[in-house]
Amino acid sequence: MIPIQELLSRIRWDADFGKADFQIGYLDRIQQRIVRVPLKEIAFVDDDQFAFQFFDQEGETHSVPLHRIKAVYRNGDLIWHREH
């Protein structure tokens, strides 16, 4: 299994691979479940290589450490995962 940072880099920089529809599944520690977020709704802050950010439906900003990413889906198919 490749590190999540390498997969995210490939999605961002490999034009053919990256034009698919991606979702990131991360562990929500409060709800104790995997939450799927479309990659197009995620922001990667340049000076933070260890987390991503997104806005939820209420407009609240969430910062999620990359180690809480548990799954990546491409066009609905699971392409990467790690145990909870």
C-alpha atoms as a PDB file:
ATOM      1  CA  MET A   1       0.000   0.000   0.000  1.00  0.00           C
ATOM      2  CA  ILE A   2       1.352   3.404  -0.932  1.00  0.00           C
ATOM      3  CA  PRO A   3       1.349   6.213   1.639  1.00  0.00           C
ATOM      4  CA  ILE A   4      -1.703   8.469   1.509  1.00  0.00           C
ATOM      5  CA  GLN A   5       0.496  11.499   0.732  1.00  0.00           C
ATOM      6  CA  GLU A   6       1.747   9.779  -2.442  1.00  0.00           C
ATOM      7  CA  LEU A   7      -1.767   8.868  -3.574  1.00  0.00           C
ATOM      8  CA  LEU A   8      -3.055  12.401  -2.971  1.00  0.00           C
ATOM      9  CA  SER A   9      -0.093  13.787  -4.890  1.00  0.00           C
ATOM     10  CA  ARG A  10      -0.818  11.491  -7.824  1.00  0.00           C
ATOM     11  CA  ILE A  11      -4.467  12.544  -7.845  1.00  0.00           C
ATOM     12  CA  ARG A  12      -3.472  16.206  -7.872  1.00  0.00           C
ATOM     13  CA  TRP A  13      -0.652  16.010 -10.444  1.00  0.00           C
ATOM     14  CA  ASP A  14      -1.442  13.059 -12.782  1.00  0.00           C
ATOM     15  CA  ALA A  15      -3.912  14.642 -15.220  1.00  0.00           C
ATOM     16  CA  ASP A  16      -5.354  11.377 -16.579  1.00  0.00           C
ATOM     17  CA  PHE A  17      -5.701   9.649 -13.217  1.00  0.00           C
ATOM     18  CA  GLY A  18      -6.898  12.789 -11.417  1.00  0.00           C
ATOM     19  CA  LYS A  19      -9.831  13.644 -13.688  1.00  0.00           C
ATOM     20  CA  ALA A  20     -11.981  10.955 -12.071  1.00  0.00           C
ATOM     21  CA  ASP A  21     -14.496  11.547  -9.258  1.00  0.00           C
ATOM     22  CA  PHE A  22     -12.731  11.000  -5.916  1.00  0.00           C
ATOM     23  CA  GLN A  23     -14.023  10.771  -2.372  1.00  0.00           C
ATOM     24  CA  ILE A  24     -11.992  10.677   0.820  1.00  0.00           C
ATOM     25  CA  GLY A  25     -13.260   8.558   3.713  1.00  0.00           C
ATOM     26  CA  TYR A  26     -11.997   9.721   7.080  1.00  0.00           C
ATOM     27  CA  LEU A  27     -12.666   8.525  10.616  1.00  0.00           C
ATOM     28  CA  ASP A  28     -14.947  10.895  12.498  1.00  0.00           C
ATOM     29  CA  ARG A  29     -13.938  10.291  16.100  1.00  0.00           C
ATOM     30  CA  ILE A  30     -17.138  11.781  17.551  1.00  0.00           C
ATOM     31  CA  GLN A  31     -19.536   9.783  15.377  1.00  0.00           C
ATOM     32  CA  GLN A  32     -17.192   6.744  15.355  1.00  0.00           C
ATOM     33  CA  ARG A  33     -17.800   6.159  11.649  1.00  0.00           C
ATOM     34  CA  ILE A  34     -16.200   6.777   8.282  1.00  0.00           C
ATOM     35  CA  VAL A  35     -17.381  10.008   6.646  1.00  0.00           C
ATOM     36  CA  ARG A  36     -16.997  10.369   2.886  1.00  0.00           C
ATOM     37  CA  VAL A  37     -16.180  13.810   1.484  1.00  0.00           C
ATOM     38  CA  PRO A  38     -15.824  14.621  -2.231  1.00  0.00           C
ATOM     39  CA  LEU A  39     -12.230  15.522  -2.987  1.00  0.00           C
ATOM     40  CA  LYS A  40     -13.368  18.651  -4.830  1.00  0.00           C
ATOM     41  CA  GLU A  41     -14.666  19.992  -1.484  1.00  0.00           C
ATOM     42  CA  ILE A  42     -11.311  19.478   0.261  1.00  0.00           C
ATOM     43  CA  ALA A  43      -8.590  22.099   0.555  1.00  0.00           C
ATOM     44  CA  PHE A  44      -4.942  21.353   1.174  1.00  0.00           C
ATOM     45  CA  VAL A  45      -3.187  24.244   2.902  1.00  0.00           C
ATOM     46  CA  ASP A  46       0.299  24.775   1.483  1.00  0.00           C
ATOM     47  CA  ASP A  47       2.050  25.073   4.839  1.00  0.00           C
ATOM     48  CA  ASP A  48       0.271  22.052   6.383  1.00  0.00           C
ATOM     49  CA  GLN A  49       1.412  18.705   4.982  1.00  0.00           C
ATOM     50  CA  PHE A  50      -0.368  16.696   7.672  1.00  0.00           C
ATOM     51  CA  ALA A  51      -4.046  17.702   7.339  1.00  0.00           C
ATOM     52  CA  PHE A  52      -6.787  18.765   4.949  1.00  0.00           C
ATOM     53  CA  GLN A  53      -9.709  21.134   5.456  1.00  0.00           C
ATOM     54  CA  PHE A  54     -13.324  21.211   4.328  1.00  0.00           C
ATOM     55  CA  PHE A  55     -16.585  22.986   5.138  1.00  0.00           C
ATOM     56  CA  ASP A  56     -19.524  20.915   6.368  1.00  0.00           C
ATOM     57  CA  GLN A  57     -23.176  21.570   5.437  1.00  0.00           C
ATOM     58  CA  GLU A  58     -23.501  24.104   8.255  1.00  0.00           C
ATOM     59  CA  GLY A  59     -20.490  26.041   6.965  1.00  0.00           C
ATOM     60  CA  GLU A  60     -18.180  24.964   9.785  1.00  0.00           C
ATOM     61  CA  THR A  61     -14.536  24.409   8.869  1.00  0.00           C
ATOM     62  CA  HIS A  62     -13.005  21.059   9.763  1.00  0.00           C
ATOM     63  CA  SER A  63      -9.303  20.258   9.782  1.00  0.00           C
ATOM     64  CA  VAL A  64      -8.667  16.525   9.476  1.00  0.00           C
ATOM     65  CA  PRO A  65      -5.223  14.965  10.002  1.00  0.00           C
ATOM     66  CA  LEU A  66      -4.136  12.761   7.111  1.00  0.00           C
ATOM     67  CA  HIS A  67      -3.658   9.799   9.472  1.00  0.00           C
ATOM     68  CA  ARG A  68      -7.462   9.733   9.920  1.00  0.00           C
ATOM     69  CA  ILE A  69      -8.019   9.066   6.205  1.00  0.00           C
ATOM     70  CA  LYS A  70      -9.131   5.454   6.064  1.00  0.00           C
ATOM     71  CA  ALA A  71     -10.337   5.080   2.462  1.00  0.00           C
ATOM     72  CA  VAL A  72     -10.141   6.662  -0.981  1.00  0.00           C
ATOM     73  CA  TYR A  73     -12.741   6.037  -3.666  1.00  0.00           C
ATOM     74  CA  ARG A  74     -12.328   6.658  -7.399  1.00  0.00           C
ATOM     75  CA  ASN A  75     -15.548   6.756  -9.408  1.00  0.00           C
ATOM     76  CA  GLY A  76     -17.230   4.971  -6.498  1.00  0.00           C
ATOM     77  CA  ASP A  77     -14.678   2.136  -6.333  1.00  0.00           C
ATOM     78  CA  LEU A  78     -12.470   1.666  -3.278  1.00  0.00           C
ATOM     79  CA  ILE A  79      -8.865   2.108  -4.468  1.00  0.00           C
ATOM     80  CA  TRP A  80      -7.064   2.593  -1.141  1.00  0.00           C
ATOM     81  CA  HIS A  81      -7.805   1.781   2.498  1.00  0.00           C
ATOM     82  CA  ARG A  82      -6.254   1.152   5.889  1.00  0.00           C
ATOM     83  CA  GLU A  83      -7.699  -0.374   9.026  1.00  0.00           C
ATOM     84  CA  HIS A  84      -9.531   1.795  11.575  1.00  0.00           C
END
